[in-house]
Amino acid sequence: MKEYTILAFGSAAVAVLFDYFLRTKLLVNKKFWIFWAVMFVLIFIVNGYLTWRPIVQYGEEYYLGIRLFTIPIEDFIYGFSLLTMNISLWEYFSRKFKNKFPS
């Protein structure tokens, strides 16, 4: 079974739901996609080093086996979900507390 694949895509779906239900509208914001492009490059550099050395190894039975150079595509999907969920929560709570405690 491809547990890492299932978890990566599941977490991406949850991230999209966070954006929708918290009404942060990240996925339609150009700045978010520019930020994601920068993070993609950084993820590529760090994960590329870790998987090329190989400091981090993946069991073939746990992911699709599709790699971008040495990095499983699930790493990029999972990275997307982590960033999206965190920024959604940050935006939501920033908006919520800004209204309660105006400066």
PDB file of N, CA and C in Angstrom:
ATOM      1  N   MET A   1       0.849  -1.189   0.000  1.00  0.00           N
ATOM      2  CA  MET A   1       0.000   0.000   0.000  1.00  0.00           C
ATOM      3  C   MET A   1       0.888   1.243   0.000  1.00  0.00           C
ATOM      4  N   LYS A   2       0.438   2.269  -0.610  1.00  0.00           N
ATOM      5  CA  LYS A   2       1.201   3.518  -0.767  1.00  0.00           C
ATOM      6  C   LYS A   2       0.800   4.533   0.304  1.00  0.00           C
ATOM      7  N   GLU A   3       1.226   4.283   1.539  1.00  0.00           N
ATOM      8  CA  GLU A   3       0.812   5.130   2.658  1.00  0.00           C
ATOM      9  C   GLU A   3       1.255   6.578   2.512  1.00  0.00           C
ATOM     10  N   TYR A   4       2.499   6.786   2.099  1.00  0.00           N
ATOM     11  CA  TYR A   4       3.003   8.160   1.982  1.00  0.00           C
ATOM     12  C   TYR A   4       2.223   8.931   0.919  1.00  0.00           C
ATOM     13  N   THR A   5       1.903   8.268  -0.161  1.00  0.00           N
ATOM     14  CA  THR A   5       1.122   8.907  -1.230  1.00  0.00           C
ATOM     15  C   THR A   5      -0.258   9.294  -0.718  1.00  0.00           C
ATOM     16  N   ILE A   6      -0.910   8.387  -0.037  1.00  0.00           N
ATOM     17  CA  ILE A   6      -2.255   8.645   0.493  1.00  0.00           C
ATOM     18  C   ILE A   6      -2.219   9.797   1.490  1.00  0.00           C
ATOM     19  N   LEU A   7      -1.245   9.770   2.403  1.00  0.00           N
ATOM     20  CA  LEU A   7      -1.145  10.835   3.401  1.00  0.00           C
ATOM     21  C   LEU A   7      -0.808  12.185   2.772  1.00  0.00           C
ATOM     22  N   ALA A   8       0.066  12.197   1.774  1.00  0.00           N
ATOM     23  CA  ALA A   8       0.447  13.457   1.124  1.00  0.00           C
ATOM     24  C   ALA A   8      -0.745  14.076   0.411  1.00  0.00           C
ATOM     25  N   PHE A   9      -1.446  13.281  -0.389  1.00  0.00           N
ATOM     26  CA  PHE A   9      -2.590  13.822  -1.113  1.00  0.00           C
ATOM     27  C   PHE A   9      -3.749  14.145  -0.172  1.00  0.00           C
ATOM     28  N   GLY A  10      -3.914  13.349   0.883  1.00  0.00           N
ATOM     29  CA  GLY A  10      -4.946  13.642   1.880  1.00  0.00           C
ATOM     30  C   GLY A  10      -4.676  14.945   2.601  1.00  0.00           C
ATOM     31  N   SER A  11      -3.416  15.180   2.962  1.00  0.00           N
ATOM     32  CA  SER A  11      -3.077  16.433   3.646  1.00  0.00           C
ATOM     33  C   SER A  11      -3.243  17.626   2.708  1.00  0.00           C
ATOM     34  N   ALA A  12      -2.978  17.449   1.426  1.00  0.00           N
ATOM     35  CA  ALA A  12      -3.195  18.535   0.460  1.00  0.00           C
ATOM     36  C   ALA A  12      -4.686  18.861   0.354  1.00  0.00           C
ATOM     37  N   ALA A  13      -5.522  17.836   0.378  1.00  0.00           N
ATOM     38  CA  ALA A  13      -6.969  18.068   0.340  1.00  0.00           C
ATOM     39  C   ALA A  13      -7.425  18.815   1.592  1.00  0.00           C
ATOM     40  N   VAL A  14      -6.891  18.445   2.740  1.00  0.00           N
ATOM     41  CA  VAL A  14      -7.223  19.144   3.995  1.00  0.00           C
ATOM     42  C   VAL A  14      -6.761  20.598   3.918  1.00  0.00           C
ATOM     43  N   ALA A  15      -5.594  20.838   3.347  1.00  0.00           N
ATOM     44  CA  ALA A  15      -5.086  22.212   3.210  1.00  0.00           C
ATOM     45  C   ALA A  15      -6.015  23.062   2.356  1.00  0.00           C
ATOM     46  N   VAL A  16      -6.503  22.489   1.271  1.00  0.00           N
ATOM     47  CA  VAL A  16      -7.439  23.216   0.402  1.00  0.00           C
ATOM     48  C   VAL A  16      -8.735  23.494   1.162  1.00  0.00           C
ATOM     49  N   LEU A  17      -9.194  22.530   1.951  1.00  0.00           N
ATOM     50  CA  LEU A  17     -10.401  22.740   2.764  1.00  0.00           C
ATOM     51  C   LEU A  17     -10.183  23.820   3.827  1.00  0.00           C
ATOM     52  N   PHE A  18      -9.004  23.849   4.433  1.00  0.00           N
ATOM     53  CA  PHE A  18      -8.671  24.921   5.380  1.00  0.00           C
ATOM     54  C   PHE A  18      -8.842  26.274   4.704  1.00  0.00           C
ATOM     55  N   ASP A  19      -8.265  26.419   3.532  1.00  0.00           N
ATOM     56  CA  ASP A  19      -8.340  27.678   2.799  1.00  0.00           C
ATOM     57  C   ASP A  19      -9.792  28.050   2.507  1.00  0.00           C
ATOM     58  N   TYR A  20     -10.571  27.072   2.115  1.00  0.00           N
ATOM     59  CA  TYR A  20     -11.972  27.329   1.766  1.00  0.00           C
ATOM     60  C   TYR A  20     -12.801  27.701   3.000  1.00  0.00           C
ATOM     61  N   PHE A  21     -12.736  26.895   4.045  1.00  0.00           N
ATOM     62  CA  PHE A  21     -13.596  27.125   5.208  1.00  0.00           C
ATOM     63  C   PHE A  21     -13.151  28.301   6.072  1.00  0.00           C
ATOM     64  N   LEU A  22     -11.861  28.578   6.096  1.00  0.00           N
ATOM     65  CA  LEU A  22     -11.388  29.734   6.852  1.00  0.00           C
ATOM     66  C   LEU A  22     -11.467  31.024   6.039  1.00  0.00           C
ATOM     67  N   ARG A  23     -11.814  30.880   4.764  1.00  0.00           N
ATOM     68  CA  ARG A  23     -11.982  32.013   3.840  1.00  0.00           C
ATOM     69  C   ARG A  23     -10.731  32.891   3.737  1.00  0.00           C
ATOM     70  N   THR A  24      -9.571  32.247   3.686  1.00  0.00           N
ATOM     71  CA  THR A  24      -8.327  33.004   3.556  1.00  0.00           C
ATOM     72  C   THR A  24      -8.000  33.327   2.101  1.00  0.00           C
ATOM     73  N   LYS A  25      -8.573  32.582   1.175  1.00  0.00           N
ATOM     74  CA  LYS A  25      -8.424  32.807  -0.273  1.00  0.00           C
ATOM     75  C   LYS A  25      -6.958  32.815  -0.726  1.00  0.00           C
ATOM     76  N   LEU A  26      -6.156  31.960  -0.114  1.00  0.00           N
ATOM     77  CA  LEU A  26      -4.750  31.869  -0.510  1.00  0.00           C
ATOM     78  C   LEU A  26      -4.599  31.353  -1.932  1.00  0.00           C
ATOM     79  N   LEU A  27      -5.408  30.380  -2.285  1.00  0.00           N
ATOM     80  CA  LEU A  27      -5.235  29.699  -3.567  1.00  0.00           C
ATOM     81  C   LEU A  27      -5.572  30.581  -4.768  1.00  0.00           C
ATOM     82  N   VAL A  28      -6.169  31.723  -4.529  1.00  0.00           N
ATOM     83  CA  VAL A  28      -6.439  32.671  -5.621  1.00  0.00           C
ATOM     84  C   VAL A  28      -5.576  33.925  -5.504  1.00  0.00           C
ATOM     85  N   ASN A  29      -4.625  33.881  -4.559  1.00  0.00           N
ATOM     86  CA  ASN A  29      -3.760  35.027  -4.319  1.00  0.00           C
ATOM     87  C   ASN A  29      -2.425  34.842  -5.047  1.00  0.00           C
ATOM     88  N   LYS A  30      -2.079  35.785  -5.906  1.00  0.00           N
ATOM     89  CA  LYS A  30      -0.852  35.711  -6.684  1.00  0.00           C
ATOM     90  C   LYS A  30       0.388  35.676  -5.785  1.00  0.00           C
ATOM     91  N   LYS A  31       0.357  36.419  -4.682  1.00  0.00           N
ATOM     92  CA  LYS A  31       1.505  36.448  -3.759  1.00  0.00           C
ATOM     93  C   LYS A  31       1.768  35.071  -3.157  1.00  0.00           C
ATOM     94  N   PHE A  32       0.697  34.342  -2.876  1.00  0.00           N
ATOM     95  CA  PHE A  32       0.864  32.997  -2.339  1.00  0.00           C
ATOM     96  C   PHE A  32       1.594  32.110  -3.331  1.00  0.00           C
ATOM     97  N   TRP A  33       1.256  32.175  -4.605  1.00  0.00           N
ATOM     98  CA  TRP A  33       1.888  31.317  -5.609  1.00  0.00           C
ATOM     99  C   TRP A  33       3.334  31.737  -5.875  1.00  0.00           C
ATOM    100  N   ILE A  34       3.641  33.015  -5.744  1.00  0.00           N
ATOM    101  CA  ILE A  34       5.038  33.449  -5.844  1.00  0.00           C
ATOM    102  C   ILE A  34       5.820  32.898  -4.652  1.00  0.00           C
ATOM    103  N   PHE A  35       5.238  32.996  -3.468  1.00  0.00           N
ATOM    104  CA  PHE A  35       5.853  32.434  -2.268  1.00  0.00           C
ATOM    105  C   PHE A  35       6.062  30.933  -2.441  1.00  0.00           C
ATOM    106  N   TRP A  36       5.054  30.238  -2.962  1.00  0.00           N
ATOM    107  CA  TRP A  36       5.161  28.792  -3.153  1.00  0.00           C
ATOM    108  C   TRP A  36       6.269  28.450  -4.159  1.00  0.00           C
ATOM    109  N   ALA A  37       6.446  29.261  -5.189  1.00  0.00           N
ATOM    110  CA  ALA A  37       7.515  29.024  -6.167  1.00  0.00           C
ATOM    111  C   ALA A  37       8.885  29.143  -5.504  1.00  0.00           C
ATOM    112  N   VAL A  38       9.042  30.134  -4.644  1.00  0.00           N
ATOM    113  CA  VAL A  38      10.302  30.293  -3.916  1.00  0.00           C
ATOM    114  C   VAL A  38      10.515  29.096  -2.991  1.00  0.00           C
ATOM    115  N   MET A  39       9.487  28.698  -2.286  1.00  0.00           N
ATOM    116  CA  MET A  39       9.591  27.553  -1.388  1.00  0.00           C
ATOM    117  C   MET A  39       9.866  26.265  -2.155  1.00  0.00           C
ATOM    118  N   PHE A  40       9.309  26.128  -3.347  1.00  0.00           N
ATOM    119  CA  PHE A  40       9.556  24.954  -4.186  1.00  0.00           C
ATOM    120  C   PHE A  40      11.047  24.831  -4.473  1.00  0.00           C
ATOM    121  N   VAL A  41      11.680  25.939  -4.811  1.00  0.00           N
ATOM    122  CA  VAL A  41      13.116  25.931  -5.078  1.00  0.00           C
ATOM    123  C   VAL A  41      13.890  25.530  -3.822  1.00  0.00           C
ATOM    124  N   LEU A  42      13.504  26.085  -2.675  1.00  0.00           N
ATOM    125  CA  LEU A  42      14.191  25.752  -1.425  1.00  0.00           C
ATOM    126  C   LEU A  42      13.974  24.291  -1.031  1.00  0.00           C
ATOM    127  N   ILE A  43      12.754  23.801  -1.191  1.00  0.00           N
ATOM    128  CA  ILE A  43      12.469  22.386  -0.926  1.00  0.00           C
ATOM    129  C   ILE A  43      13.300  21.517  -1.858  1.00  0.00           C
ATOM    130  N   PHE A  44      13.388  21.934  -3.106  1.00  0.00           N
ATOM    131  CA  PHE A  44      14.161  21.188  -4.097  1.00  0.00           C
ATOM    132  C   PHE A  44      15.634  21.100  -3.690  1.00  0.00           C
ATOM    133  N   ILE A  45      16.187  22.194  -3.213  1.00  0.00           N
ATOM    134  CA  ILE A  45      17.597  22.212  -2.807  1.00  0.00           C
ATOM    135  C   ILE A  45      17.817  21.333  -1.570  1.00  0.00           C
ATOM    136  N   VAL A  46      17.033  21.545  -0.535  1.00  0.00           N
ATOM    137  CA  VAL A  46      17.229  20.814   0.725  1.00  0.00           C
ATOM    138  C   VAL A  46      16.902  19.334   0.556  1.00  0.00           C
ATOM    139  N   ASN A  47      15.725  19.022   0.024  1.00  0.00           N
ATOM    140  CA  ASN A  47      15.360  17.617  -0.152  1.00  0.00           C
ATOM    141  C   ASN A  47      16.251  16.936  -1.174  1.00  0.00           C
ATOM    142  N   GLY A  48      16.665  17.686  -2.190  1.00  0.00           N
ATOM    143  CA  GLY A  48      17.578  17.120  -3.180  1.00  0.00           C
ATOM    144  C   GLY A  48      18.871  16.671  -2.536  1.00  0.00           C
ATOM    145  N   TYR A  49      19.418  17.505  -1.673  1.00  0.00           N
ATOM    146  CA  TYR A  49      20.648  17.148  -0.957  1.00  0.00           C
ATOM    147  C   TYR A  49      20.418  15.931  -0.064  1.00  0.00           C
ATOM    148  N   LEU A  50      19.316  15.953   0.688  1.00  0.00           N
ATOM    149  CA  LEU A  50      19.048  14.866   1.630  1.00  0.00           C
ATOM    150  C   LEU A  50      18.806  13.530   0.935  1.00  0.00           C
ATOM    151  N   THR A  51      18.176  13.545  -0.219  1.00  0.00           N
ATOM    152  CA  THR A  51      17.890  12.295  -0.916  1.00  0.00           C
ATOM    153  C   THR A  51      19.027  11.874  -1.846  1.00  0.00           C
ATOM    154  N   TRP A  52      19.855  12.802  -2.259  1.00  0.00           N
ATOM    155  CA  TRP A  52      20.967  12.480  -3.141  1.00  0.00           C
ATOM    156  C   TRP A  52      22.100  11.820  -2.363  1.00  0.00           C
ATOM    157  N   ARG A  53      22.317  12.231  -1.124  1.00  0.00           N
ATOM    158  CA  ARG A  53      23.467  11.770  -0.336  1.00  0.00           C
ATOM    159  C   ARG A  53      23.472  10.279  -0.050  1.00  0.00           C
ATOM    160  N   PRO A  54      22.659   9.470   0.235  1.00  0.00           N
ATOM    161  CA  PRO A  54      21.271   9.536   0.695  1.00  0.00           C
ATOM    162  C   PRO A  54      21.169   9.541   2.219  1.00  0.00           C
ATOM    163  N   ILE A  55      20.883  10.684   2.749  1.00  0.00           N
ATOM    164  CA  ILE A  55      20.660  10.834   4.184  1.00  0.00           C
ATOM    165  C   ILE A  55      19.249  10.351   4.521  1.00  0.00           C
ATOM    166  N   VAL A  56      18.293  10.691   3.647  1.00  0.00           N
ATOM    167  CA  VAL A  56      16.908  10.257   3.797  1.00  0.00           C
ATOM    168  C   VAL A  56      16.620   9.256   2.687  1.00  0.00           C
ATOM    169  N   GLN A  57      16.069   8.119   3.069  1.00  0.00           N
ATOM    170  CA  GLN A  57      15.712   7.094   2.092  1.00  0.00           C
ATOM    171  C   GLN A  57      14.230   6.769   2.235  1.00  0.00           C
ATOM    172  N   TYR A  58      13.599   6.422   1.130  1.00  0.00           N
ATOM    173  CA  TYR A  58      12.176   6.112   1.114  1.00  0.00           C
ATOM    174  C   TYR A  58      11.986   4.655   0.719  1.00  0.00           C
ATOM    175  N   GLY A  59      11.130   3.967   1.437  1.00  0.00           N
ATOM    176  CA  GLY A  59      10.789   2.597   1.080  1.00  0.00           C
ATOM    177  C   GLY A  59       9.941   2.603  -0.184  1.00  0.00           C
ATOM    178  N   GLU A  60      10.359   1.867  -1.181  1.00  0.00           N
ATOM    179  CA  GLU A  60       9.671   1.859  -2.485  1.00  0.00           C
ATOM    180  C   GLU A  60       8.195   1.461  -2.359  1.00  0.00           C
ATOM    181  N   GLU A  61       7.862   0.676  -1.364  1.00  0.00           N
ATOM    182  CA  GLU A  61       6.482   0.203  -1.223  1.00  0.00           C
ATOM    183  C   GLU A  61       5.537   1.255  -0.638  1.00  0.00           C
ATOM    184  N   TYR A  62       6.077   2.398  -0.175  1.00  0.00           N
ATOM    185  CA  TYR A  62       5.256   3.394   0.500  1.00  0.00           C
ATOM    186  C   TYR A  62       4.897   4.608  -0.350  1.00  0.00           C
ATOM    187  N   TYR A  63       5.475   4.736  -1.530  1.00  0.00           N
ATOM    188  CA  TYR A  63       5.168   5.883  -2.382  1.00  0.00           C
ATOM    189  C   TYR A  63       5.093   5.446  -3.834  1.00  0.00           C
ATOM    190  N   LEU A  64       4.671   6.355  -4.690  1.00  0.00           N
ATOM    191  CA  LEU A  64       4.421   6.008  -6.094  1.00  0.00           C
ATOM    192  C   LEU A  64       5.673   5.584  -6.858  1.00  0.00           C
ATOM    193  N   GLY A  65       6.816   6.054  -6.428  1.00  0.00           N
ATOM    194  CA  GLY A  65       8.045   5.740  -7.143  1.00  0.00           C
ATOM    195  C   GLY A  65       8.388   6.769  -8.203  1.00  0.00           C
ATOM    196  N   ILE A  66       7.590   7.825  -8.294  1.00  0.00           N
ATOM    197  CA  ILE A  66       7.846   8.912  -9.247  1.00  0.00           C
ATOM    198  C   ILE A  66       8.684   9.958  -8.526  1.00  0.00           C
ATOM    199  N   ARG A  67       9.823  10.272  -9.111  1.00  0.00           N
ATOM    200  CA  ARG A  67      10.729  11.243  -8.479  1.00  0.00           C
ATOM    201  C   ARG A  67      11.030  12.387  -9.436  1.00  0.00           C
ATOM    202  N   LEU A  68      11.230  13.545  -8.859  1.00  0.00           N
ATOM    203  CA  LEU A  68      11.742  14.696  -9.590  1.00  0.00           C
ATOM    204  C   LEU A  68      13.217  14.749  -9.216  1.00  0.00           C
ATOM    205  N   PHE A  69      14.058  14.263 -10.092  1.00  0.00           N
ATOM    206  CA  PHE A  69      15.464  13.968  -9.829  1.00  0.00           C
ATOM    207  C   PHE A  69      15.521  12.917  -8.728  1.00  0.00           C
ATOM    208  N   THR A  70      15.884  13.280  -7.519  1.00  0.00           N
ATOM    209  CA  THR A  70      15.970  12.279  -6.441  1.00  0.00           C
ATOM    210  C   THR A  70      14.836  12.400  -5.429  1.00  0.00           C
ATOM    211  N   ILE A  71      13.929  13.343  -5.634  1.00  0.00           N
ATOM    212  CA  ILE A  71      12.902  13.670  -4.638  1.00  0.00           C
ATOM    213  C   ILE A  71      11.554  13.080  -5.047  1.00  0.00           C
ATOM    214  N   PRO A  72      10.929  12.285  -4.171  1.00  0.00           N
ATOM    215  CA  PRO A  72       9.582  11.791  -4.472  1.00  0.00           C
ATOM    216  C   PRO A  72       8.594  12.954  -4.611  1.00  0.00           C
ATOM    217  N   ILE A  73       7.693  12.861  -5.566  1.00  0.00           N
ATOM    218  CA  ILE A  73       6.740  13.960  -5.769  1.00  0.00           C
ATOM    219  C   ILE A  73       5.865  14.182  -4.536  1.00  0.00           C
ATOM    220  N   GLU A  74       5.700  13.144  -3.738  1.00  0.00           N
ATOM    221  CA  GLU A  74       4.902  13.292  -2.518  1.00  0.00           C
ATOM    222  C   GLU A  74       5.502  14.325  -1.566  1.00  0.00           C
ATOM    223  N   ASP A  75       6.822  14.503  -1.592  1.00  0.00           N
ATOM    224  CA  ASP A  75       7.445  15.518  -0.737  1.00  0.00           C
ATOM    225  C   ASP A  75       6.970  16.923  -1.093  1.00  0.00           C
ATOM    226  N   PHE A  76       6.817  17.193  -2.370  1.00  0.00           N
ATOM    227  CA  PHE A  76       6.345  18.511  -2.800  1.00  0.00           C
ATOM    228  C   PHE A  76       4.870  18.702  -2.430  1.00  0.00           C
ATOM    229  N   ILE A  77       4.078  17.665  -2.582  1.00  0.00           N
ATOM    230  CA  ILE A  77       2.654  17.732  -2.231  1.00  0.00           C
ATOM    231  C   ILE A  77       2.504  17.965  -0.721  1.00  0.00           C
ATOM    232  N   TYR A  78       3.280  17.210   0.049  1.00  0.00           N
ATOM    233  CA  TYR A  78       3.229  17.352   1.507  1.00  0.00           C
ATOM    234  C   TYR A  78       3.721  18.737   1.933  1.00  0.00           C
ATOM    235  N   GLY A  79       4.789  19.221   1.307  1.00  0.00           N
ATOM    236  CA  GLY A  79       5.286  20.569   1.604  1.00  0.00           C
ATOM    237  C   GLY A  79       4.236  21.631   1.304  1.00  0.00           C
ATOM    238  N   PHE A  80       3.539  21.459   0.178  1.00  0.00           N
ATOM    239  CA  PHE A  80       2.453  22.374  -0.173  1.00  0.00           C
ATOM    240  C   PHE A  80       1.390  22.390   0.928  1.00  0.00           C
ATOM    241  N   SER A  81       1.010  21.211   1.403  1.00  0.00           N
ATOM    242  CA  SER A  81      -0.052  21.158   2.407  1.00  0.00           C
ATOM    243  C   SER A  81       0.389  21.789   3.727  1.00  0.00           C
ATOM    244  N   LEU A  82       1.624  21.545   4.135  1.00  0.00           N
ATOM    245  CA  LEU A  82       2.110  22.147   5.379  1.00  0.00           C
ATOM    246  C   LEU A  82       2.116  23.668   5.303  1.00  0.00           C
ATOM    247  N   LEU A  83       2.643  24.185   4.218  1.00  0.00           N
ATOM    248  CA  LEU A  83       2.700  25.644   4.061  1.00  0.00           C
ATOM    249  C   LEU A  83       1.301  26.249   3.968  1.00  0.00           C
ATOM    250  N   THR A  84       0.445  25.632   3.197  1.00  0.00           N
ATOM    251  CA  THR A  84      -0.905  26.167   2.997  1.00  0.00           C
ATOM    252  C   THR A  84      -1.711  26.158   4.290  1.00  0.00           C
ATOM    253  N   MET A  85      -1.649  25.056   5.031  1.00  0.00           N
ATOM    254  CA  MET A  85      -2.396  24.997   6.295  1.00  0.00           C
ATOM    255  C   MET A  85      -1.881  26.026   7.294  1.00  0.00           C
ATOM    256  N   ASN A  86      -0.572  26.142   7.415  1.00  0.00           N
ATOM    257  CA  ASN A  86      -0.011  27.099   8.366  1.00  0.00           C
ATOM    258  C   ASN A  86      -0.334  28.540   7.996  1.00  0.00           C
ATOM    259  N   ILE A  87      -0.211  28.875   6.729  1.00  0.00           N
ATOM    260  CA  ILE A  87      -0.511  30.247   6.317  1.00  0.00           C
ATOM    261  C   ILE A  87      -2.003  30.530   6.445  1.00  0.00           C
ATOM    262  N   SER A  88      -2.845  29.544   6.139  1.00  0.00           N
ATOM    263  CA  SER A  88      -4.294  29.727   6.309  1.00  0.00           C
ATOM    264  C   SER A  88      -4.635  30.027   7.758  1.00  0.00           C
ATOM    265  N   LEU A  89      -4.066  29.246   8.666  1.00  0.00           N
ATOM    266  CA  LEU A  89      -4.322  29.488  10.091  1.00  0.00           C
ATOM    267  C   LEU A  89      -3.785  30.844  10.532  1.00  0.00           C
ATOM    268  N   TRP A  90      -2.595  31.190  10.054  1.00  0.00           N
ATOM    269  CA  TRP A  90      -2.006  32.483  10.399  1.00  0.00           C
ATOM    270  C   TRP A  90      -2.907  33.624   9.930  1.00  0.00           C
ATOM    271  N   GLU A  91      -3.336  33.571   8.692  1.00  0.00           N
ATOM    272  CA  GLU A  91      -4.201  34.621   8.142  1.00  0.00           C
ATOM    273  C   GLU A  91      -5.528  34.691   8.884  1.00  0.00           C
ATOM    274  N   TYR A  92      -6.108  33.542   9.177  1.00  0.00           N
ATOM    275  CA  TYR A  92      -7.392  33.502   9.867  1.00  0.00           C
ATOM    276  C   TYR A  92      -7.293  34.133  11.258  1.00  0.00           C
ATOM    277  N   PHE A  93      -6.308  33.691  12.041  1.00  0.00           N
ATOM    278  CA  PHE A  93      -6.183  34.211  13.402  1.00  0.00           C
ATOM    279  C   PHE A  93      -5.680  35.651  13.429  1.00  0.00           C
ATOM    280  N   SER A  94      -4.865  36.032  12.461  1.00  0.00           N
ATOM    281  CA  SER A  94      -4.443  37.439  12.375  1.00  0.00           C
ATOM    282  C   SER A  94      -5.649  38.341  12.155  1.00  0.00           C
ATOM    283  N   ARG A  95      -6.517  37.929  11.262  1.00  0.00           N
ATOM    284  CA  ARG A  95      -7.734  38.690  10.972  1.00  0.00           C
ATOM    285  C   ARG A  95      -8.650  38.718  12.188  1.00  0.00           C
ATOM    286  N   LYS A  96      -8.793  37.589  12.834  1.00  0.00           N
ATOM    287  CA  LYS A  96      -9.689  37.477  13.983  1.00  0.00           C
ATOM    288  C   LYS A  96      -9.220  38.353  15.144  1.00  0.00           C
ATOM    289  N   PHE A  97      -7.928  38.315  15.465  1.00  0.00           N
ATOM    290  CA  PHE A  97      -7.419  39.095  16.588  1.00  0.00           C
ATOM    291  C   PHE A  97      -7.236  40.563  16.240  1.00  0.00           C
ATOM    292  N   LYS A  98      -7.033  40.858  14.984  1.00  0.00           N
ATOM    293  CA  LYS A  98      -6.923  42.259  14.574  1.00  0.00           C
ATOM    294  C   LYS A  98      -8.234  42.999  14.847  1.00  0.00           C
ATOM    295  N   ASN A  99      -9.345  42.318  14.622  1.00  0.00           N
ATOM    296  CA  ASN A  99     -10.664  42.921  14.874  1.00  0.00           C
ATOM    297  C   ASN A  99     -10.943  43.058  16.362  1.00  0.00           C
ATOM    298  N   LYS A 100     -10.393  42.174  17.199  1.00  0.00           N
ATOM    299  CA  LYS A 100     -10.629  42.241  18.632  1.00  0.00           C
ATOM    300  C   LYS A 100      -9.728  43.257  19.318  1.00  0.00           C
ATOM    301  N   PHE A 101      -8.502  43.376  18.813  1.00  0.00           N
ATOM    302  CA  PHE A 101      -7.520  44.260  19.437  1.00  0.00           C
ATOM    303  C   PHE A 101      -6.968  45.241  18.396  1.00  0.00           C
ATOM    304  N   PRO A 102      -7.760  46.217  17.996  1.00  0.00           N
ATOM    305  CA  PRO A 102      -7.245  47.163  17.004  1.00  0.00           C
ATOM    306  C   PRO A 102      -6.075  47.972  17.548  1.00  0.00           C
ATOM    307  N   SER A 103      -5.141  48.262  16.681  1.00  0.00           N
ATOM    308  CA  SER A 103      -3.970  49.024  17.140  1.00  0.00           C
ATOM    309  C   SER A 103      -4.180  50.505  17.028  1.00  0.00           C
TER     310      SER A 103
END
